[in-house]
PDB file of N, CA and C in Angstrom:
ATOM      1  N   UNK A   1     -75.379-186.490 228.763  1.00  0.00           N
ATOM      2  CA  UNK A   1     -75.039-186.208 227.682  1.00  0.00           C
ATOM      3  C   UNK A   1     -74.615-184.525 228.078  1.00  0.00           C
ATOM      4  N   UNK A   2     -73.399-183.896 227.898  1.00  0.00           N
ATOM      5  CA  UNK A   2     -73.192-182.471 227.957  1.00  0.00           C
ATOM      6  C   UNK A   2     -73.942-181.199 226.495  1.00  0.00           C
ATOM      7  N   UNK A   3     -74.858-180.845 226.959  1.00  0.00           N
ATOM      8  CA  UNK A   3     -74.727-180.201 225.507  1.00  0.00           C
ATOM      9  C   UNK A   3     -74.756-178.606 225.394  1.00  0.00           C
ATOM     10  N   UNK A   4     -73.935-177.930 224.235  1.00  0.00           N
ATOM     11  CA  UNK A   4     -72.984-176.714 224.207  1.00  0.00           C
ATOM     12  C   UNK A   4     -74.277-176.382 223.352  1.00  0.00           C
ATOM     13  N   UNK A   5     -74.026-174.705 222.929  1.00  0.00           N
ATOM     14  CA  UNK A   5     -73.950-173.757 222.482  1.00  0.00           C
ATOM     15  C   UNK A   5     -72.934-173.412 221.820  1.00  0.00           C
ATOM     16  N   UNK A   6     -72.484-174.048 220.269  1.00  0.00           N
ATOM     17  CA  UNK A   6     -70.821-173.763 219.836  1.00  0.00           C
ATOM     18  C   UNK A   6     -71.251-172.978 218.738  1.00  0.00           C
ATOM     19  N   UNK A   7     -71.057-171.654 219.147  1.00  0.00           N
ATOM     20  CA  UNK A   7     -71.529-170.808 218.159  1.00  0.00           C
ATOM     21  C   UNK A   7     -72.537-170.455 216.880  1.00  0.00           C
ATOM     22  N   UNK A   8     -73.698-170.966 217.519  1.00  0.00           N
ATOM     23  CA  UNK A   8     -75.275-170.974 217.041  1.00  0.00           C
ATOM     24  C   UNK A   8     -75.906-172.559 217.044  1.00  0.00           C
ATOM     25  N   UNK A   9     -74.430-173.152 216.990  1.00  0.00           N
ATOM     26  CA  UNK A   9     -74.617-174.575 216.186  1.00  0.00           C
ATOM     27  C   UNK A   9     -74.838-175.575 218.239  1.00  0.00           C
ATOM     28  N   UNK A  10     -75.590-176.341 218.005  1.00  0.00           N
ATOM     29  CA  UNK A  10     -75.698-177.296 219.417  1.00  0.00           C
ATOM     30  C   UNK A  10     -75.010-178.873 218.787  1.00  0.00           C
ATOM     31  N   UNK A  11     -74.336-178.973 219.775  1.00  0.00           N
ATOM     32  CA  UNK A  11     -72.631-179.716 219.710  1.00  0.00           C
ATOM     33  C   UNK A  11     -73.625-180.771 221.517  1.00  0.00           C
ATOM     34  N   UNK A  12     -73.223-182.019 221.336  1.00  0.00           N
ATOM     35  CA  UNK A  12     -72.999-182.725 222.362  1.00  0.00           C
ATOM     36  C   UNK A  12     -72.184-183.713 222.803  1.00  0.00           C
ATOM     37  N   UNK A  13     -71.616-183.311 224.077  1.00  0.00           N
ATOM     38  CA  UNK A  13     -70.539-184.309 224.144  1.00  0.00           C
ATOM     39  C   UNK A  13     -70.588-185.485 225.163  1.00  0.00           C
ATOM     40  N   UNK A  14     -70.012-186.323 225.523  1.00  0.00           N
ATOM     41  CA  UNK A  14     -70.033-187.702 226.092  1.00  0.00           C
ATOM     42  C   UNK A  14     -69.006-188.660 226.334  1.00  0.00           C
ATOM     43  N   UNK A  15     -69.104-188.679 227.724  1.00  0.00           N
ATOM     44  CA  UNK A  15     -67.892-189.670 227.808  1.00  0.00           C
ATOM     45  C   UNK A  15     -68.420-191.323 228.198  1.00  0.00           C
ATOM     46  N   UNK A  16     -67.450-191.861 227.224  1.00  0.00           N
ATOM     47  CA  UNK A  16     -67.769-193.665 226.948  1.00  0.00           C
ATOM     48  C   UNK A  16     -66.764-194.075 227.343  1.00  0.00           C
ATOM     49  N   UNK A  17     -66.333-195.017 227.818  1.00  0.00           N
ATOM     50  CA  UNK A  17     -65.500-195.950 227.646  1.00  0.00           C
ATOM     51  C   UNK A  17     -64.223-195.251 228.010  1.00  0.00           C
ATOM     52  N   UNK A  18     -63.976-194.074 228.673  1.00  0.00           N
ATOM     53  CA  UNK A  18     -62.635-193.457 228.602  1.00  0.00           C
ATOM     54  C   UNK A  18     -62.212-192.526 227.579  1.00  0.00           C
ATOM     55  N   UNK A  19     -63.045-192.143 226.572  1.00  0.00           N
ATOM     56  CA  UNK A  19     -63.727-191.438 225.949  1.00  0.00           C
ATOM     57  C   UNK A  19     -64.146-190.579 225.519  1.00  0.00           C
ATOM     58  N   UNK A  20     -63.761-189.489 225.005  1.00  0.00           N
ATOM     59  CA  UNK A  20     -65.341-188.001 224.049  1.00  0.00           C
ATOM     60  C   UNK A  20     -65.847-188.635 223.027  1.00  0.00           C
ATOM     61  N   UNK A  21     -67.521-188.357 222.813  1.00  0.00           N
ATOM     62  CA  UNK A  21     -67.942-188.648 221.866  1.00  0.00           C
ATOM     63  C   UNK A  21     -68.738-187.551 221.095  1.00  0.00           C
ATOM     64  N   UNK A  22     -68.376-186.667 220.509  1.00  0.00           N
ATOM     65  CA  UNK A  22     -69.205-185.367 219.682  1.00  0.00           C
ATOM     66  C   UNK A  22     -70.468-186.076 218.746  1.00  0.00           C
ATOM     67  N   UNK A  23     -71.517-185.177 219.257  1.00  0.00           N
ATOM     68  CA  UNK A  23     -72.400-185.362 218.395  1.00  0.00           C
ATOM     69  C   UNK A  23     -73.111-184.474 217.878  1.00  0.00           C
ATOM     70  N   UNK A  24     -74.324-183.939 217.145  1.00  0.00           N
ATOM     71  CA  UNK A  24     -75.008-183.086 216.443  1.00  0.00           C
ATOM     72  C   UNK A  24     -76.317-182.856 217.090  1.00  0.00           C
ATOM     73  N   UNK A  25     -76.733-181.985 217.701  1.00  0.00           N
ATOM     74  CA  UNK A  25     -78.046-182.506 218.149  1.00  0.00           C
ATOM     75  C   UNK A  25     -79.271-181.190 217.740  1.00  0.00           C
ATOM     76  N   UNK A  26     -79.869-181.618 217.320  1.00  0.00           N
ATOM     77  CA  UNK A  26     -81.335-181.359 217.125  1.00  0.00           C
ATOM     78  C   UNK A  26     -82.466-180.930 218.519  1.00  0.00           C
ATOM     79  N   UNK A  27     -82.223-179.910 219.315  1.00  0.00           N
ATOM     80  CA  UNK A  27     -83.063-179.746 220.215  1.00  0.00           C
ATOM     81  C   UNK A  27     -84.552-179.910 220.761  1.00  0.00           C
ATOM     82  N   UNK A  28     -85.201-179.025 218.792  1.00  0.00           N
ATOM     83  CA  UNK A  28     -86.809-179.720 218.980  1.00  0.00           C
ATOM     84  C   UNK A  28     -86.838-181.020 219.276  1.00  0.00           C
ATOM     85  N   UNK A  29     -86.519-182.163 218.151  1.00  0.00           N
ATOM     86  CA  UNK A  29     -86.888-183.363 218.424  1.00  0.00           C
ATOM     87  C   UNK A  29     -86.068-184.404 219.432  1.00  0.00           C
ATOM     88  N   UNK A  30     -85.308-183.514 220.134  1.00  0.00           N
ATOM     89  CA  UNK A  30     -84.425-184.533 221.140  1.00  0.00           C
ATOM     90  C   UNK A  30     -83.628-185.621 220.227  1.00  0.00           C
ATOM     91  N   UNK A  31     -83.263-185.471 219.054  1.00  0.00           N
ATOM     92  CA  UNK A  31     -82.692-186.462 218.565  1.00  0.00           C
ATOM     93  C   UNK A  31     -81.102-186.381 218.111  1.00  0.00           C
ATOM     94  N   UNK A  32     -79.710-186.948 218.121  1.00  0.00           N
ATOM     95  CA  UNK A  32     -78.354-186.794 217.937  1.00  0.00           C
ATOM     96  C   UNK A  32     -78.074-187.621 216.882  1.00  0.00           C
ATOM     97  N   UNK A  33     -76.824-187.513 216.529  1.00  0.00           N
ATOM     98  CA  UNK A  33     -75.993-188.395 215.927  1.00  0.00           C
ATOM     99  C   UNK A  33     -74.689-187.994 215.680  1.00  0.00           C
ATOM    100  N   UNK A  34     -73.965-189.189 215.863  1.00  0.00           N
ATOM    101  CA  UNK A  34     -72.709-188.603 216.409  1.00  0.00           C
ATOM    102  C   UNK A  34     -72.139-188.369 215.027  1.00  0.00           C
ATOM    103  N   UNK A  35     -70.399-187.922 215.487  1.00  0.00           N
ATOM    104  CA  UNK A  35     -70.160-186.970 214.423  1.00  0.00           C
ATOM    105  C   UNK A  35     -68.638-187.747 214.788  1.00  0.00           C
ATOM    106  N   UNK A  36     -68.251-187.977 212.966  1.00  0.00           N
ATOM    107  CA  UNK A  36     -67.206-189.105 213.737  1.00  0.00           C
ATOM    108  C   UNK A  36     -66.059-187.868 213.257  1.00  0.00           C
ATOM    109  N   UNK A  37     -66.301-186.866 212.651  1.00  0.00           N
ATOM    110  CA  UNK A  37     -64.992-187.010 212.103  1.00  0.00           C
ATOM    111  C   UNK A  37     -64.720-185.331 212.952  1.00  0.00           C
ATOM    112  N   UNK A  38     -64.978-185.259 214.407  1.00  0.00           N
ATOM    113  CA  UNK A  38     -64.431-184.368 215.409  1.00  0.00           C
ATOM    114  C   UNK A  38     -63.959-185.277 216.208  1.00  0.00           C
ATOM    115  N   UNK A  39     -62.776-185.237 216.984  1.00  0.00           N
ATOM    116  CA  UNK A  39     -62.270-186.002 218.035  1.00  0.00           C
ATOM    117  C   UNK A  39     -61.672-185.232 219.032  1.00  0.00           C
ATOM    118  N   UNK A  40     -62.253-185.548 220.210  1.00  0.00           N
ATOM    119  CA  UNK A  40     -61.429-184.498 221.650  1.00  0.00           C
ATOM    120  C   UNK A  40     -60.648-185.617 221.860  1.00  0.00           C
ATOM    121  N   UNK A  41     -59.649-185.210 222.437  1.00  0.00           N
ATOM    122  CA  UNK A  41     -58.578-185.626 222.799  1.00  0.00           C
ATOM    123  C   UNK A  41     -59.259-186.286 224.862  1.00  0.00           C
ATOM    124  N   UNK A  42     -58.786-187.604 225.348  1.00  0.00           N
ATOM    125  CA  UNK A  42     -59.601-188.034 225.882  1.00  0.00           C
ATOM    126  C   UNK A  42     -58.266-187.471 226.873  1.00  0.00           C
ATOM    127  N   UNK A  43     -57.683-186.739 227.336  1.00  0.00           N
ATOM    128  CA  UNK A  43     -57.305-186.485 228.574  1.00  0.00           C
ATOM    129  C   UNK A  43     -57.598-185.283 229.304  1.00  0.00           C
ATOM    130  N   UNK A  44     -58.449-184.591 228.033  1.00  0.00           N
ATOM    131  CA  UNK A  44     -59.297-183.518 228.918  1.00  0.00           C
ATOM    132  C   UNK A  44     -60.649-183.751 229.173  1.00  0.00           C
ATOM    133  N   UNK A  45     -60.141-182.910 230.644  1.00  0.00           N
ATOM    134  CA  UNK A  45     -61.498-183.086 231.662  1.00  0.00           C
ATOM    135  C   UNK A  45     -62.756-181.997 231.000  1.00  0.00           C
ATOM    136  N   UNK A  46     -64.078-182.379 231.883  1.00  0.00           N
ATOM    137  CA  UNK A  46     -65.197-181.203 231.334  1.00  0.00           C
ATOM    138  C   UNK A  46     -65.003-179.467 231.474  1.00  0.00           C
ATOM    139  N   UNK A  47     -64.422-179.572 232.135  1.00  0.00           N
ATOM    140  CA  UNK A  47     -64.367-177.776 231.783  1.00  0.00           C
ATOM    141  C   UNK A  47     -63.718-176.967 231.070  1.00  0.00           C
ATOM    142  N   UNK A  48     -62.717-178.731 230.489  1.00  0.00           N
ATOM    143  CA  UNK A  48     -61.566-177.540 229.146  1.00  0.00           C
ATOM    144  C   UNK A  48     -62.524-178.239 228.358  1.00  0.00           C
ATOM    145  N   UNK A  49     -63.314-179.115 227.881  1.00  0.00           N
ATOM    146  CA  UNK A  49     -64.404-178.860 226.975  1.00  0.00           C
ATOM    147  C   UNK A  49     -64.738-177.877 226.468  1.00  0.00           C
ATOM    148  N   UNK A  50     -64.944-176.429 227.412  1.00  0.00           N
ATOM    149  CA  UNK A  50     -65.767-175.213 226.282  1.00  0.00           C
ATOM    150  C   UNK A  50     -64.924-174.696 226.210  1.00  0.00           C
ATOM    151  N   UNK A  51     -63.071-174.592 226.408  1.00  0.00           N
ATOM    152  CA  UNK A  51     -62.248-174.047 225.679  1.00  0.00           C
ATOM    153  C   UNK A  51     -61.928-174.731 224.597  1.00  0.00           C
ATOM    154  N   UNK A  52     -62.040-175.676 224.544  1.00  0.00           N
ATOM    155  CA  UNK A  52     -61.369-176.519 223.351  1.00  0.00           C
ATOM    156  C   UNK A  52     -62.203-176.229 221.640  1.00  0.00           C
ATOM    157  N   UNK A  53     -63.912-176.981 222.251  1.00  0.00           N
ATOM    158  CA  UNK A  53     -64.800-176.642 221.590  1.00  0.00           C
ATOM    159  C   UNK A  53     -64.601-175.634 220.845  1.00  0.00           C
ATOM    160  N   UNK A  54     -64.305-174.005 221.501  1.00  0.00           N
ATOM    161  CA  UNK A  54     -63.734-172.687 220.782  1.00  0.00           C
ATOM    162  C   UNK A  54     -62.454-172.719 220.201  1.00  0.00           C
ATOM    163  N   UNK A  55     -61.968-172.849 220.429  1.00  0.00           N
ATOM    164  CA  UNK A  55     -60.763-172.949 219.420  1.00  0.00           C
ATOM    165  C   UNK A  55     -60.740-173.945 218.383  1.00  0.00           C
ATOM    166  N   UNK A  56     -61.751-175.263 218.226  1.00  0.00           N
ATOM    167  CA  UNK A  56     -62.477-175.694 216.971  1.00  0.00           C
ATOM    168  C   UNK A  56     -62.945-175.024 215.683  1.00  0.00           C
ATOM    169  N   UNK A  57     -64.520-174.106 216.095  1.00  0.00           N
ATOM    170  CA  UNK A  57     -64.977-174.330 215.896  1.00  0.00           C
ATOM    171  C   UNK A  57     -64.931-171.943 216.256  1.00  0.00           C
ATOM    172  N   UNK A  58     -63.850-171.491 216.475  1.00  0.00           N
ATOM    173  CA  UNK A  58     -63.868-170.173 216.418  1.00  0.00           C
ATOM    174  C   UNK A  58     -64.418-169.071 215.358  1.00  0.00           C
ATOM    175  N   UNK A  59     -64.152-170.358 213.870  1.00  0.00           N
ATOM    176  CA  UNK A  59     -63.967-169.206 212.742  1.00  0.00           C
ATOM    177  C   UNK A  59     -65.520-169.145 212.377  1.00  0.00           C
ATOM    178  N   UNK A  60     -66.341-169.876 213.132  1.00  0.00           N
ATOM    179  CA  UNK A  60     -68.231-169.547 213.389  1.00  0.00           C
ATOM    180  C   UNK A  60     -68.818-169.108 214.525  1.00  0.00           C
ATOM    181  N   UNK A  61     -67.550-168.162 214.464  1.00  0.00           N
ATOM    182  CA  UNK A  61     -68.354-166.995 216.019  1.00  0.00           C
ATOM    183  C   UNK A  61     -69.052-165.943 215.014  1.00  0.00           C
ATOM    184  N   UNK A  62     -70.480-165.551 215.766  1.00  0.00           N
ATOM    185  CA  UNK A  62     -70.910-163.979 214.766  1.00  0.00           C
ATOM    186  C   UNK A  62     -70.837-163.113 216.244  1.00  0.00           C
ATOM    187  N   UNK A  63     -71.770-162.216 215.704  1.00  0.00           N
ATOM    188  CA  UNK A  63     -72.046-161.256 216.568  1.00  0.00           C
ATOM    189  C   UNK A  63     -73.415-161.811 217.122  1.00  0.00           C
ATOM    190  N   UNK A  64     -74.004-162.490 216.855  1.00  0.00           N
ATOM    191  CA  UNK A  64     -75.072-162.660 217.424  1.00  0.00           C
ATOM    192  C   UNK A  64     -74.338-164.108 218.324  1.00  0.00           C
ATOM    193  N   UNK A  65     -72.694-164.618 217.769  1.00  0.00           N
ATOM    194  CA  UNK A  65     -72.783-166.180 218.582  1.00  0.00           C
ATOM    195  C   UNK A  65     -71.741-166.492 219.237  1.00  0.00           C
ATOM    196  N   UNK A  66     -71.364-165.211 219.704  1.00  0.00           N
ATOM    197  CA  UNK A  66     -69.925-164.964 220.142  1.00  0.00           C
ATOM    198  C   UNK A  66     -69.361-166.212 220.718  1.00  0.00           C
ATOM    199  N   UNK A  67     -69.779-167.128 221.511  1.00  0.00           N
ATOM    200  CA  UNK A  67     -68.818-167.670 222.447  1.00  0.00           C
ATOM    201  C   UNK A  67     -70.031-169.183 222.008  1.00  0.00           C
ATOM    202  N   UNK A  68     -69.019-170.436 223.505  1.00  0.00           N
ATOM    203  CA  UNK A  68     -69.481-171.514 223.515  1.00  0.00           C
ATOM    204  C   UNK A  68     -70.131-171.126 224.595  1.00  0.00           C
ATOM    205  N   UNK A  69     -71.326-171.933 225.329  1.00  0.00           N
ATOM    206  CA  UNK A  69     -71.862-172.021 225.808  1.00  0.00           C
ATOM    207  C   UNK A  69     -72.850-173.542 226.339  1.00  0.00           C
ATOM    208  N   UNK A  70     -72.474-173.725 227.271  1.00  0.00           N
ATOM    209  CA  UNK A  70     -73.232-175.138 227.713  1.00  0.00           C
ATOM    210  C   UNK A  70     -74.521-174.701 227.952  1.00  0.00           C
ATOM    211  N   UNK A  71     -75.322-175.798 227.678  1.00  0.00           N
ATOM    212  CA  UNK A  71     -76.805-174.997 227.394  1.00  0.00           C
ATOM    213  C   UNK A  71     -77.640-176.253 228.883  1.00  0.00           C
ATOM    214  N   UNK A  72     -76.688-177.583 228.329  1.00  0.00           N
ATOM    215  CA  UNK A  72     -77.546-178.720 229.531  1.00  0.00           C
ATOM    216  C   UNK A  72     -76.404-179.586 229.533  1.00  0.00           C
TER     217      UNK A  72
END
């Protein structure tokens, strides 16, 4: 699973059966839960994910968390 810091929120993205799945991640307990209301287009590549996550969540950007960064 790819894990991103998305403006302070930890989001996991995993490709399964040709589809992207999105998860809320709790790094302290290493737990995750599927976010069913977020859909990533299947044709996006792994390198395009940070830009897509930035587009979706950009309103949550803050001075302390100004960007999307892959952390794992």
